[in-house]
Amino acid sequence: MFSLHVDNVPFKVEFEHINPPINGAQRGTICKIFRGDGDGKWGLAGFGVTRVHPKDQYNKETGRKLAMRYAFDSMGWVGMLFKPLRTSFWKKYFNAQDSARYTGAKA
């Protein structure tokens, strides 16, 4: 999870790995983008899901990138056309990933 502000609007992003214990069940990644209203209330702004074929190997970073891209798509014109918003999210995501690699923290 990470959070950021874009034009004084708070956002936070959460990722979840889906790995059911049932053989043949769909695995994947969920990305949820929340937008804050400034009063401590958060609303779902975007939602993206990726699925892994049962014969493919799961890759956490690839799943997160695709899920976040799909979450932008679900935001409609805001996610698709507002490039500064997407750029801010990607920069924050990659900075979080880099710091986690060097510190051993969980991103």
PDB file of N, CA and C in Angstrom:
ATOM      1  N   MET A   1       0.837  -1.175   0.000  1.00  0.00           N
ATOM      2  CA  MET A   1       0.000   0.000   0.000  1.00  0.00           C
ATOM      3  C   MET A   1       0.885   1.242   0.000  1.00  0.00           C
ATOM      4  N   PHE A   2       0.408   2.271  -0.705  1.00  0.00           N
ATOM      5  CA  PHE A   2       1.073   3.560  -0.641  1.00  0.00           C
ATOM      6  C   PHE A   2       0.026   4.654  -0.783  1.00  0.00           C
ATOM      7  N   SER A   3       0.403   5.845  -0.366  1.00  0.00           N
ATOM      8  CA  SER A   3      -0.514   6.977  -0.472  1.00  0.00           C
ATOM      9  C   SER A   3       0.229   8.160  -1.083  1.00  0.00           C
ATOM     10  N   LEU A   4      -0.526   9.076  -1.658  1.00  0.00           N
ATOM     11  CA  LEU A   4       0.046  10.258  -2.278  1.00  0.00           C
ATOM     12  C   LEU A   4      -1.022  11.330  -2.395  1.00  0.00           C
ATOM     13  N   HIS A   5      -0.572  12.552  -2.672  1.00  0.00           N
ATOM     14  CA  HIS A   5      -1.471  13.672  -2.924  1.00  0.00           C
ATOM     15  C   HIS A   5      -1.223  14.155  -4.348  1.00  0.00           C
ATOM     16  N   VAL A   6      -2.300  14.360  -5.097  1.00  0.00           N
ATOM     17  CA  VAL A   6      -2.217  14.919  -6.440  1.00  0.00           C
ATOM     18  C   VAL A   6      -3.120  16.144  -6.459  1.00  0.00           C
ATOM     19  N   ASP A   7      -2.535  17.317  -6.695  1.00  0.00           N
ATOM     20  CA  ASP A   7      -3.281  18.577  -6.661  1.00  0.00           C
ATOM     21  C   ASP A   7      -4.081  18.708  -5.359  1.00  0.00           C
ATOM     22  N   ASN A   8      -3.436  18.405  -4.254  1.00  0.00           N
ATOM     23  CA  ASN A   8      -4.018  18.489  -2.912  1.00  0.00           C
ATOM     24  C   ASN A   8      -5.175  17.521  -2.664  1.00  0.00           C
ATOM     25  N   VAL A   9      -5.300  16.516  -3.509  1.00  0.00           N
ATOM     26  CA  VAL A   9      -6.323  15.482  -3.312  1.00  0.00           C
ATOM     27  C   VAL A   9      -5.611  14.220  -2.840  1.00  0.00           C
ATOM     28  N   PRO A  10      -5.994  13.683  -1.666  1.00  0.00           N
ATOM     29  CA  PRO A  10      -5.323  12.475  -1.171  1.00  0.00           C
ATOM     30  C   PRO A  10      -5.834  11.206  -1.870  1.00  0.00           C
ATOM     31  N   PHE A  11      -4.888  10.339  -2.175  1.00  0.00           N
ATOM     32  CA  PHE A  11      -5.190   9.031  -2.752  1.00  0.00           C
ATOM     33  C   PHE A  11      -4.414   7.979  -1.981  1.00  0.00           C
ATOM     34  N   LYS A  12      -4.935   6.766  -1.952  1.00  0.00           N
ATOM     35  CA  LYS A  12      -4.163   5.646  -1.442  1.00  0.00           C
ATOM     36  C   LYS A  12      -4.451   4.436  -2.329  1.00  0.00           C
ATOM     37  N   VAL A  13      -3.437   3.586  -2.457  1.00  0.00           N
ATOM     38  CA  VAL A  13      -3.516   2.415  -3.320  1.00  0.00           C
ATOM     39  C   VAL A  13      -3.245   1.180  -2.483  1.00  0.00           C
ATOM     40  N   GLU A  14      -4.091   0.163  -2.642  1.00  0.00           N
ATOM     41  CA  GLU A  14      -3.914  -1.107  -1.933  1.00  0.00           C
ATOM     42  C   GLU A  14      -3.870  -2.241  -2.947  1.00  0.00           C
ATOM     43  N   PHE A  15      -2.987  -3.194  -2.705  1.00  0.00           N
ATOM     44  CA  PHE A  15      -2.876  -4.375  -3.547  1.00  0.00           C
ATOM     45  C   PHE A  15      -3.193  -5.611  -2.716  1.00  0.00           C
ATOM     46  N   GLU A  16      -3.798  -6.590  -3.363  1.00  0.00           N
ATOM     47  CA  GLU A  16      -4.103  -7.855  -2.693  1.00  0.00           C
ATOM     48  C   GLU A  16      -3.841  -8.989  -3.676  1.00  0.00           C
ATOM     49  N   HIS A  17      -3.125  -9.999  -3.211  1.00  0.00           N
ATOM     50  CA  HIS A  17      -2.863 -11.173  -4.040  1.00  0.00           C
ATOM     51  C   HIS A  17      -3.935 -12.212  -3.766  1.00  0.00           C
ATOM     52  N   ILE A  18      -4.522 -12.731  -4.832  1.00  0.00           N
ATOM     53  CA  ILE A  18      -5.546 -13.768  -4.709  1.00  0.00           C
ATOM     54  C   ILE A  18      -4.869 -15.097  -5.002  1.00  0.00           C
ATOM     55  N   ASN A  19      -4.833 -15.979  -4.013  1.00  0.00           N
ATOM     56  CA  ASN A  19      -4.211 -17.290  -4.192  1.00  0.00           C
ATOM     57  C   ASN A  19      -5.055 -18.336  -3.475  1.00  0.00           C
ATOM     58  N   PRO A  20      -6.171 -18.739  -4.109  1.00  0.00           N
ATOM     59  CA  PRO A  20      -7.038 -19.718  -3.442  1.00  0.00           C
ATOM     60  C   PRO A  20      -6.364 -21.085  -3.332  1.00  0.00           C
ATOM     61  N   PRO A  21      -6.661 -21.810  -2.264  1.00  0.00           N
ATOM     62  CA  PRO A  21      -6.020 -23.114  -2.052  1.00  0.00           C
ATOM     63  C   PRO A  21      -6.572 -24.225  -2.948  1.00  0.00           C
ATOM     64  N   ILE A  22      -7.583 -23.921  -3.744  1.00  0.00           N
ATOM     65  CA  ILE A  22      -8.215 -24.936  -4.594  1.00  0.00           C
ATOM     66  C   ILE A  22      -7.428 -25.071  -5.896  1.00  0.00           C
ATOM     67  N   ASN A  23      -7.094 -26.299  -6.261  1.00  0.00           N
ATOM     68  CA  ASN A  23      -6.388 -26.525  -7.517  1.00  0.00           C
ATOM     69  C   ASN A  23      -7.230 -26.058  -8.692  1.00  0.00           C
ATOM     70  N   GLY A  24      -6.603 -25.320  -9.596  1.00  0.00           N
ATOM     71  CA  GLY A  24      -7.286 -24.845 -10.791  1.00  0.00           C
ATOM     72  C   GLY A  24      -8.073 -23.562 -10.605  1.00  0.00           C
ATOM     73  N   ALA A  25      -8.189 -23.064  -9.366  1.00  0.00           N
ATOM     74  CA  ALA A  25      -8.908 -21.815  -9.137  1.00  0.00           C
ATOM     75  C   ALA A  25      -8.069 -20.646  -9.634  1.00  0.00           C
ATOM     76  N   GLN A  26      -8.719 -19.577 -10.015  1.00  0.00           N
ATOM     77  CA  GLN A  26      -8.062 -18.406 -10.567  1.00  0.00           C
ATOM     78  C   GLN A  26      -7.229 -17.677  -9.521  1.00  0.00           C
ATOM     79  N   ARG A  27      -5.973 -17.408  -9.853  1.00  0.00           N
ATOM     80  CA  ARG A  27      -5.095 -16.587  -9.019  1.00  0.00           C
ATOM     81  C   ARG A  27      -4.961 -15.228  -9.682  1.00  0.00           C
ATOM     82  N   GLY A  28      -4.511 -14.236  -8.931  1.00  0.00           N
ATOM     83  CA  GLY A  28      -4.326 -12.925  -9.535  1.00  0.00           C
ATOM     84  C   GLY A  28      -4.032 -11.850  -8.517  1.00  0.00           C
ATOM     85  N   THR A  29      -4.227 -10.600  -8.937  1.00  0.00           N
ATOM     86  CA  THR A  29      -3.950  -9.435  -8.104  1.00  0.00           C
ATOM     87  C   THR A  29      -5.100  -8.449  -8.211  1.00  0.00           C
ATOM     88  N   ILE A  30      -5.442  -7.841  -7.087  1.00  0.00           N
ATOM     89  CA  ILE A  30      -6.458  -6.793  -7.047  1.00  0.00           C
ATOM     90  C   ILE A  30      -5.770  -5.484  -6.672  1.00  0.00           C
ATOM     91  N   CYS A  31      -6.126  -4.419  -7.371  1.00  0.00           N
ATOM     92  CA  CYS A  31      -5.654  -3.072  -7.030  1.00  0.00           C
ATOM     93  C   CYS A  31      -6.871  -2.203  -6.762  1.00  0.00           C
ATOM     94  N   LYS A  32      -6.876  -1.544  -5.611  1.00  0.00           N
ATOM     95  CA  LYS A  32      -7.947  -0.610  -5.261  1.00  0.00           C
ATOM     96  C   LYS A  32      -7.328   0.771  -5.077  1.00  0.00           C
ATOM     97  N   ILE A  33      -7.884   1.760  -5.757  1.00  0.00           N
ATOM     98  CA  ILE A  33      -7.450   3.149  -5.611  1.00  0.00           C
ATOM     99  C   ILE A  33      -8.566   3.891  -4.886  1.00  0.00           C
ATOM    100  N   PHE A  34      -8.209   4.489  -3.751  1.00  0.00           N
ATOM    101  CA  PHE A  34      -9.171   5.240  -2.948  1.00  0.00           C
ATOM    102  C   PHE A  34      -8.849   6.729  -3.039  1.00  0.00           C
ATOM    103  N   ARG A  35      -9.910   7.539  -3.039  1.00  0.00           N
ATOM    104  CA  ARG A  35      -9.762   8.997  -3.063  1.00  0.00           C
ATOM    105  C   ARG A  35     -10.329   9.544  -1.767  1.00  0.00           C
ATOM    106  N   GLY A  36      -9.541  10.376  -1.094  1.00  0.00           N
ATOM    107  CA  GLY A  36      -9.992  10.977   0.157  1.00  0.00           C
ATOM    108  C   GLY A  36     -10.735  12.271  -0.080  1.00  0.00           C
ATOM    109  N   ASP A  37     -11.625  12.582   0.864  1.00  0.00           N
ATOM    110  CA  ASP A  37     -12.388  13.823   0.729  1.00  0.00           C
ATOM    111  C   ASP A  37     -11.846  14.934   1.628  1.00  0.00           C
ATOM    112  N   GLY A  38     -10.758  14.664   2.333  1.00  0.00           N
ATOM    113  CA  GLY A  38     -10.174  15.664   3.224  1.00  0.00           C
ATOM    114  C   GLY A  38     -10.695  15.597   4.640  1.00  0.00           C
ATOM    115  N   ASP A  39     -11.795  14.891   4.862  1.00  0.00           N
ATOM    116  CA  ASP A  39     -12.381  14.754   6.198  1.00  0.00           C
ATOM    117  C   ASP A  39     -12.144  13.373   6.788  1.00  0.00           C
ATOM    118  N   GLY A  40     -11.203  12.640   6.222  1.00  0.00           N
ATOM    119  CA  GLY A  40     -10.909  11.305   6.722  1.00  0.00           C
ATOM    120  C   GLY A  40     -11.769  10.213   6.113  1.00  0.00           C
ATOM    121  N   LYS A  41     -12.623  10.555   5.178  1.00  0.00           N
ATOM    122  CA  LYS A  41     -13.465   9.563   4.512  1.00  0.00           C
ATOM    123  C   LYS A  41     -12.841   9.207   3.162  1.00  0.00           C
ATOM    124  N   TRP A  42     -12.881   7.920   2.845  1.00  0.00           N
ATOM    125  CA  TRP A  42     -12.279   7.434   1.603  1.00  0.00           C
ATOM    126  C   TRP A  42     -13.345   6.751   0.759  1.00  0.00           C
ATOM    127  N   GLY A  43     -13.304   7.025  -0.538  1.00  0.00           N
ATOM    128  CA  GLY A  43     -14.222   6.381  -1.470  1.00  0.00           C
ATOM    129  C   GLY A  43     -13.424   5.661  -2.548  1.00  0.00           C
ATOM    130  N   LEU A  44     -13.956   4.574  -3.045  1.00  0.00           N
ATOM    131  CA  LEU A  44     -13.289   3.808  -4.086  1.00  0.00           C
ATOM    132  C   LEU A  44     -13.328   4.599  -5.393  1.00  0.00           C
ATOM    133  N   ALA A  45     -12.152   4.890  -5.938  1.00  0.00           N
ATOM    134  CA  ALA A  45     -12.059   5.660  -7.181  1.00  0.00           C
ATOM    135  C   ALA A  45     -11.750   4.762  -8.369  1.00  0.00           C
ATOM    136  N   GLY A  46     -11.017   3.668  -8.127  1.00  0.00           N
ATOM    137  CA  GLY A  46     -10.660   2.758  -9.207  1.00  0.00           C
ATOM    138  C   GLY A  46     -10.422   1.360  -8.687  1.00  0.00           C
ATOM    139  N   PHE A  47     -10.692   0.375  -9.555  1.00  0.00           N
ATOM    140  CA  PHE A  47     -10.579  -1.025  -9.149  1.00  0.00           C
ATOM    141  C   PHE A  47     -10.084  -1.820 -10.348  1.00  0.00           C
ATOM    142  N   GLY A  48      -8.998  -2.577 -10.157  1.00  0.00           N
ATOM    143  CA  GLY A  48      -8.465  -3.393 -11.234  1.00  0.00           C
ATOM    144  C   GLY A  48      -8.124  -4.790 -10.760  1.00  0.00           C
ATOM    145  N   VAL A  49      -8.364  -5.782 -11.612  1.00  0.00           N
ATOM    146  CA  VAL A  49      -8.102  -7.178 -11.275  1.00  0.00           C
ATOM    147  C   VAL A  49      -7.328  -7.836 -12.410  1.00  0.00           C
ATOM    148  N   THR A  50      -6.302  -8.591 -12.055  1.00  0.00           N
ATOM    149  CA  THR A  50      -5.597  -9.410 -13.038  1.00  0.00           C
ATOM    150  C   THR A  50      -5.801 -10.869 -12.659  1.00  0.00           C
ATOM    151  N   ARG A  51      -5.701 -11.712 -13.663  1.00  0.00           N
ATOM    152  CA  ARG A  51      -5.821 -13.151 -13.423  1.00  0.00           C
ATOM    153  C   ARG A  51      -4.617 -13.844 -14.034  1.00  0.00           C
ATOM    154  N   VAL A  52      -4.187 -14.898 -13.376  1.00  0.00           N
ATOM    155  CA  VAL A  52      -3.048 -15.692 -13.839  1.00  0.00           C
ATOM    156  C   VAL A  52      -3.572 -17.035 -14.321  1.00  0.00           C
ATOM    157  N   HIS A  53      -3.162 -17.415 -15.496  1.00  0.00           N
ATOM    158  CA  HIS A  53      -3.546 -18.727 -16.017  1.00  0.00           C
ATOM    159  C   HIS A  53      -2.980 -19.794 -15.081  1.00  0.00           C
ATOM    160  N   PRO A  54      -3.723 -20.872 -14.815  1.00  0.00           N
ATOM    161  CA  PRO A  54      -3.249 -21.903 -13.886  1.00  0.00           C
ATOM    162  C   PRO A  54      -1.878 -22.485 -14.228  1.00  0.00           C
ATOM    163  N   LYS A  55      -1.502 -22.452 -15.501  1.00  0.00           N
ATOM    164  CA  LYS A  55      -0.196 -23.005 -15.896  1.00  0.00           C
ATOM    165  C   LYS A  55       0.917 -21.965 -15.881  1.00  0.00           C
ATOM    166  N   ASP A  56       0.571 -20.693 -15.660  1.00  0.00           N
ATOM    167  CA  ASP A  56       1.583 -19.636 -15.606  1.00  0.00           C
ATOM    168  C   ASP A  56       2.075 -19.440 -14.183  1.00  0.00           C
ATOM    169  N   GLN A  57       3.293 -18.930 -14.068  1.00  0.00           N
ATOM    170  CA  GLN A  57       3.856 -18.627 -12.758  1.00  0.00           C
ATOM    171  C   GLN A  57       3.469 -17.207 -12.365  1.00  0.00           C
ATOM    172  N   TYR A  58       3.052 -17.028 -11.131  1.00  0.00           N
ATOM    173  CA  TYR A  58       2.664 -15.714 -10.622  1.00  0.00           C
ATOM    174  C   TYR A  58       3.887 -14.828 -10.471  1.00  0.00           C
ATOM    175  N   ASN A  59       3.764 -13.562 -10.900  1.00  0.00           N
ATOM    176  CA  ASN A  59       4.811 -12.570 -10.728  1.00  0.00           C
ATOM    177  C   ASN A  59       4.176 -11.353 -10.049  1.00  0.00           C
ATOM    178  N   LYS A  60       4.570 -11.094  -8.811  1.00  0.00           N
ATOM    179  CA  LYS A  60       3.950 -10.038  -8.007  1.00  0.00           C
ATOM    180  C   LYS A  60       4.027  -8.673  -8.692  1.00  0.00           C
ATOM    181  N   GLU A  61       5.188  -8.307  -9.189  1.00  0.00           N
ATOM    182  CA  GLU A  61       5.358  -6.975  -9.766  1.00  0.00           C
ATOM    183  C   GLU A  61       4.534  -6.807 -11.043  1.00  0.00           C
ATOM    184  N   THR A  62       4.531  -7.819 -11.904  1.00  0.00           N
ATOM    185  CA  THR A  62       3.737  -7.751 -13.134  1.00  0.00           C
ATOM    186  C   THR A  62       2.251  -7.673 -12.805  1.00  0.00           C
ATOM    187  N   GLY A  63       1.810  -8.474 -11.852  1.00  0.00           N
ATOM    188  CA  GLY A  63       0.404  -8.445 -11.450  1.00  0.00           C
ATOM    189  C   GLY A  63      -0.008  -7.092 -10.909  1.00  0.00           C
ATOM    190  N   ARG A  64       0.845  -6.482 -10.105  1.00  0.00           N
ATOM    191  CA  ARG A  64       0.529  -5.169  -9.540  1.00  0.00           C
ATOM    192  C   ARG A  64       0.465  -4.094 -10.619  1.00  0.00           C
ATOM    193  N   LYS A  65       1.433  -4.122 -11.540  1.00  0.00           N
ATOM    194  CA  LYS A  65       1.444  -3.118 -12.608  1.00  0.00           C
ATOM    195  C   LYS A  65       0.187  -3.211 -13.467  1.00  0.00           C
ATOM    196  N   LEU A  66      -0.172  -4.418 -13.865  1.00  0.00           N
ATOM    197  CA  LEU A  66      -1.363  -4.591 -14.697  1.00  0.00           C
ATOM    198  C   LEU A  66      -2.638  -4.224 -13.938  1.00  0.00           C
ATOM    199  N   ALA A  67      -2.724  -4.644 -12.684  1.00  0.00           N
ATOM    200  CA  ALA A  67      -3.912  -4.336 -11.892  1.00  0.00           C
ATOM    201  C   ALA A  67      -4.067  -2.830 -11.706  1.00  0.00           C
ATOM    202  N   MET A  68      -2.956  -2.115 -11.496  1.00  0.00           N
ATOM    203  CA  MET A  68      -3.047  -0.669 -11.332  1.00  0.00           C
ATOM    204  C   MET A  68      -3.447  -0.007 -12.653  1.00  0.00           C
ATOM    205  N   ARG A  69      -2.939  -0.512 -13.747  1.00  0.00           N
ATOM    206  CA  ARG A  69      -3.342   0.016 -15.055  1.00  0.00           C
ATOM    207  C   ARG A  69      -4.846  -0.183 -15.277  1.00  0.00           C
ATOM    208  N   TYR A  70      -5.352  -1.358 -14.945  1.00  0.00           N
ATOM    209  CA  TYR A  70      -6.783  -1.623 -15.083  1.00  0.00           C
ATOM    210  C   TYR A  70      -7.601  -0.746 -14.128  1.00  0.00           C
ATOM    211  N   ALA A  71      -7.052  -0.463 -12.955  1.00  0.00           N
ATOM    212  CA  ALA A  71      -7.744   0.430 -12.014  1.00  0.00           C
ATOM    213  C   ALA A  71      -7.851   1.836 -12.605  1.00  0.00           C
ATOM    214  N   PHE A  72      -6.796   2.302 -13.292  1.00  0.00           N
ATOM    215  CA  PHE A  72      -6.871   3.599 -13.969  1.00  0.00           C
ATOM    216  C   PHE A  72      -7.971   3.572 -15.027  1.00  0.00           C
ATOM    217  N   ASP A  73      -8.028   2.490 -15.796  1.00  0.00           N
ATOM    218  CA  ASP A  73      -9.057   2.368 -16.833  1.00  0.00           C
ATOM    219  C   ASP A  73     -10.455   2.451 -16.226  1.00  0.00           C
ATOM    220  N   SER A  74     -10.640   1.871 -15.043  1.00  0.00           N
ATOM    221  CA  SER A  74     -11.956   1.878 -14.409  1.00  0.00           C
ATOM    222  C   SER A  74     -12.341   3.259 -13.883  1.00  0.00           C
ATOM    223  N   MET A  75     -11.356   4.170 -13.788  1.00  0.00           N
ATOM    224  CA  MET A  75     -11.630   5.525 -13.311  1.00  0.00           C
ATOM    225  C   MET A  75     -12.251   6.391 -14.409  1.00  0.00           C
ATOM    226  N   GLY A  76     -12.429   5.842 -15.600  1.00  0.00           N
ATOM    227  CA  GLY A  76     -13.028   6.598 -16.697  1.00  0.00           C
ATOM    228  C   GLY A  76     -12.078   7.654 -17.231  1.00  0.00           C
ATOM    229  N   TRP A  77     -12.634   8.791 -17.586  1.00  0.00           N
ATOM    230  CA  TRP A  77     -11.819   9.837 -18.215  1.00  0.00           C
ATOM    231  C   TRP A  77     -10.717  10.353 -17.300  1.00  0.00           C
ATOM    232  N   VAL A  78     -10.942  10.318 -15.990  1.00  0.00           N
ATOM    233  CA  VAL A  78      -9.922  10.809 -15.050  1.00  0.00           C
ATOM    234  C   VAL A  78      -8.661   9.965 -15.145  1.00  0.00           C
ATOM    235  N   GLY A  79      -8.823   8.643 -15.124  1.00  0.00           N
ATOM    236  CA  GLY A  79      -7.666   7.763 -15.162  1.00  0.00           C
ATOM    237  C   GLY A  79      -7.038   7.640 -16.527  1.00  0.00           C
ATOM    238  N   MET A  80      -7.857   7.729 -17.569  1.00  0.00           N
ATOM    239  CA  MET A  80      -7.343   7.520 -18.910  1.00  0.00           C
ATOM    240  C   MET A  80      -6.731   8.775 -19.520  1.00  0.00           C
ATOM    241  N   LEU A  81      -7.306   9.938 -19.240  1.00  0.00           N
ATOM    242  CA  LEU A  81      -6.877  11.149 -19.923  1.00  0.00           C
ATOM    243  C   LEU A  81      -6.009  12.080 -19.088  1.00  0.00           C
ATOM    244  N   PHE A  82      -6.064  11.954 -17.777  1.00  0.00           N
ATOM    245  CA  PHE A  82      -5.325  12.873 -16.920  1.00  0.00           C
ATOM    246  C   PHE A  82      -3.941  12.308 -16.648  1.00  0.00           C
ATOM    247  N   LYS A  83      -3.027  12.555 -17.583  1.00  0.00           N
ATOM    248  CA  LYS A  83      -1.694  11.965 -17.509  1.00  0.00           C
ATOM    249  C   LYS A  83      -0.923  12.357 -16.247  1.00  0.00           C
ATOM    250  N   PRO A  84      -0.974  13.600 -15.771  1.00  0.00           N
ATOM    251  CA  PRO A  84      -0.244  13.929 -14.541  1.00  0.00           C
ATOM    252  C   PRO A  84      -0.666  13.062 -13.347  1.00  0.00           C
ATOM    253  N   LEU A  85      -1.953  12.699 -13.294  1.00  0.00           N
ATOM    254  CA  LEU A  85      -2.430  11.818 -12.221  1.00  0.00           C
ATOM    255  C   LEU A  85      -1.757  10.451 -12.326  1.00  0.00           C
ATOM    256  N   ARG A  86      -1.801   9.857 -13.508  1.00  0.00           N
ATOM    257  CA  ARG A  86      -1.187   8.541 -13.708  1.00  0.00           C
ATOM    258  C   ARG A  86       0.312   8.592 -13.443  1.00  0.00           C
ATOM    259  N   THR A  87       0.971   9.630 -13.920  1.00  0.00           N
ATOM    260  CA  THR A  87       2.421   9.766 -13.727  1.00  0.00           C
ATOM    261  C   THR A  87       2.771   9.826 -12.249  1.00  0.00           C
ATOM    262  N   SER A  88       1.991  10.562 -11.469  1.00  0.00           N
ATOM    263  CA  SER A  88       2.250  10.652 -10.020  1.00  0.00           C
ATOM    264  C   SER A  88       2.127   9.291  -9.355  1.00  0.00           C
ATOM    265  N   PHE A  89       1.110   8.530  -9.751  1.00  0.00           N
ATOM    266  CA  PHE A  89       0.932   7.199  -9.184  1.00  0.00           C
ATOM    267  C   PHE A  89       2.104   6.282  -9.538  1.00  0.00           C
ATOM    268  N   TRP A  90       2.521   6.290 -10.815  1.00  0.00           N
ATOM    269  CA  TRP A  90       3.611   5.401 -11.231  1.00  0.00           C
ATOM    270  C   TRP A  90       4.922   5.766 -10.538  1.00  0.00           C
ATOM    271  N   LYS A  91       5.205   7.061 -10.415  1.00  0.00           N
ATOM    272  CA  LYS A  91       6.436   7.471  -9.722  1.00  0.00           C
ATOM    273  C   LYS A  91       6.426   6.995  -8.270  1.00  0.00           C
ATOM    274  N   LYS A  92       5.306   7.178  -7.607  1.00  0.00           N
ATOM    275  CA  LYS A  92       5.195   6.750  -6.206  1.00  0.00           C
ATOM    276  C   LYS A  92       5.322   5.231  -6.095  1.00  0.00           C
ATOM    277  N   TYR A  93       4.691   4.506  -7.019  1.00  0.00           N
ATOM    278  CA  TYR A  93       4.766   3.037  -7.008  1.00  0.00           C
ATOM    279  C   TYR A  93       6.215   2.578  -7.152  1.00  0.00           C
ATOM    280  N   PHE A  94       6.926   3.112  -8.146  1.00  0.00           N
ATOM    281  CA  PHE A  94       8.296   2.669  -8.373  1.00  0.00           C
ATOM    282  C   PHE A  94       9.232   3.096  -7.247  1.00  0.00           C
ATOM    283  N   ASN A  95       9.014   4.258  -6.644  1.00  0.00           N
ATOM    284  CA  ASN A  95       9.816   4.672  -5.491  1.00  0.00           C
ATOM    285  C   ASN A  95       9.575   3.744  -4.309  1.00  0.00           C
ATOM    286  N   ALA A  96       8.334   3.341  -4.092  1.00  0.00           N
ATOM    287  CA  ALA A  96       8.014   2.413  -2.996  1.00  0.00           C
ATOM    288  C   ALA A  96       8.671   1.059  -3.242  1.00  0.00           C
ATOM    289  N   GLN A  97       8.656   0.603  -4.487  1.00  0.00           N
ATOM    290  CA  GLN A  97       9.262  -0.683  -4.820  1.00  0.00           C
ATOM    291  C   GLN A  97      10.775  -0.634  -4.620  1.00  0.00           C
ATOM    292  N   ASP A  98      11.403   0.462  -5.057  1.00  0.00           N
ATOM    293  CA  ASP A  98      12.856   0.591  -4.904  1.00  0.00           C
ATOM    294  C   ASP A  98      13.261   0.631  -3.444  1.00  0.00           C
ATOM    295  N   SER A  99      12.541   1.405  -2.627  1.00  0.00           N
ATOM    296  CA  SER A  99      12.912   1.489  -1.210  1.00  0.00           C
ATOM    297  C   SER A  99      12.678   0.164  -0.516  1.00  0.00           C
ATOM    298  N   ALA A 100      11.668  -0.587  -0.916  1.00  0.00           N
ATOM    299  CA  ALA A 100      11.412  -1.900  -0.310  1.00  0.00           C
ATOM    300  C   ALA A 100      12.533  -2.885  -0.655  1.00  0.00           C
ATOM    301  N   ARG A 101      13.047  -2.794  -1.865  1.00  0.00           N
ATOM    302  CA  ARG A 101      14.128  -3.698  -2.274  1.00  0.00           C
ATOM    303  C   ARG A 101      15.394  -3.445  -1.443  1.00  0.00           C
ATOM    304  N   TYR A 102      15.680  -2.174  -1.190  1.00  0.00           N
ATOM    305  CA  TYR A 102      16.921  -1.851  -0.486  1.00  0.00           C
ATOM    306  C   TYR A 102      16.830  -2.018   1.015  1.00  0.00           C
ATOM    307  N   THR A 103      15.620  -1.870   1.573  1.00  0.00           N
ATOM    308  CA  THR A 103      15.496  -1.979   3.028  1.00  0.00           C
ATOM    309  C   THR A 103      14.984  -3.351   3.469  1.00  0.00           C
ATOM    310  N   GLY A 104      14.509  -4.129   2.507  1.00  0.00           N
ATOM    311  CA  GLY A 104      13.950  -5.424   2.845  1.00  0.00           C
ATOM    312  C   GLY A 104      12.533  -5.337   3.359  1.00  0.00           C
ATOM    313  N   ALA A 105      11.940  -4.129   3.282  1.00  0.00           N
ATOM    314  CA  ALA A 105      10.563  -3.931   3.735  1.00  0.00           C
ATOM    315  C   ALA A 105       9.595  -4.530   2.733  1.00  0.00           C
ATOM    316  N   LYS A 106       8.378  -4.723   3.181  1.00  0.00           N
ATOM    317  CA  LYS A 106       7.328  -5.249   2.325  1.00  0.00           C
ATOM    318  C   LYS A 106       6.617  -4.094   1.629  1.00  0.00           C
ATOM    319  N   ALA A 107       6.590  -4.100   0.300  1.00  0.00           N
ATOM    320  CA  ALA A 107       5.932  -2.998  -0.434  1.00  0.00           C
ATOM    321  C   ALA A 107       4.502  -3.345  -0.735  1.00  0.00           C
TER     322      ALA A 107
END
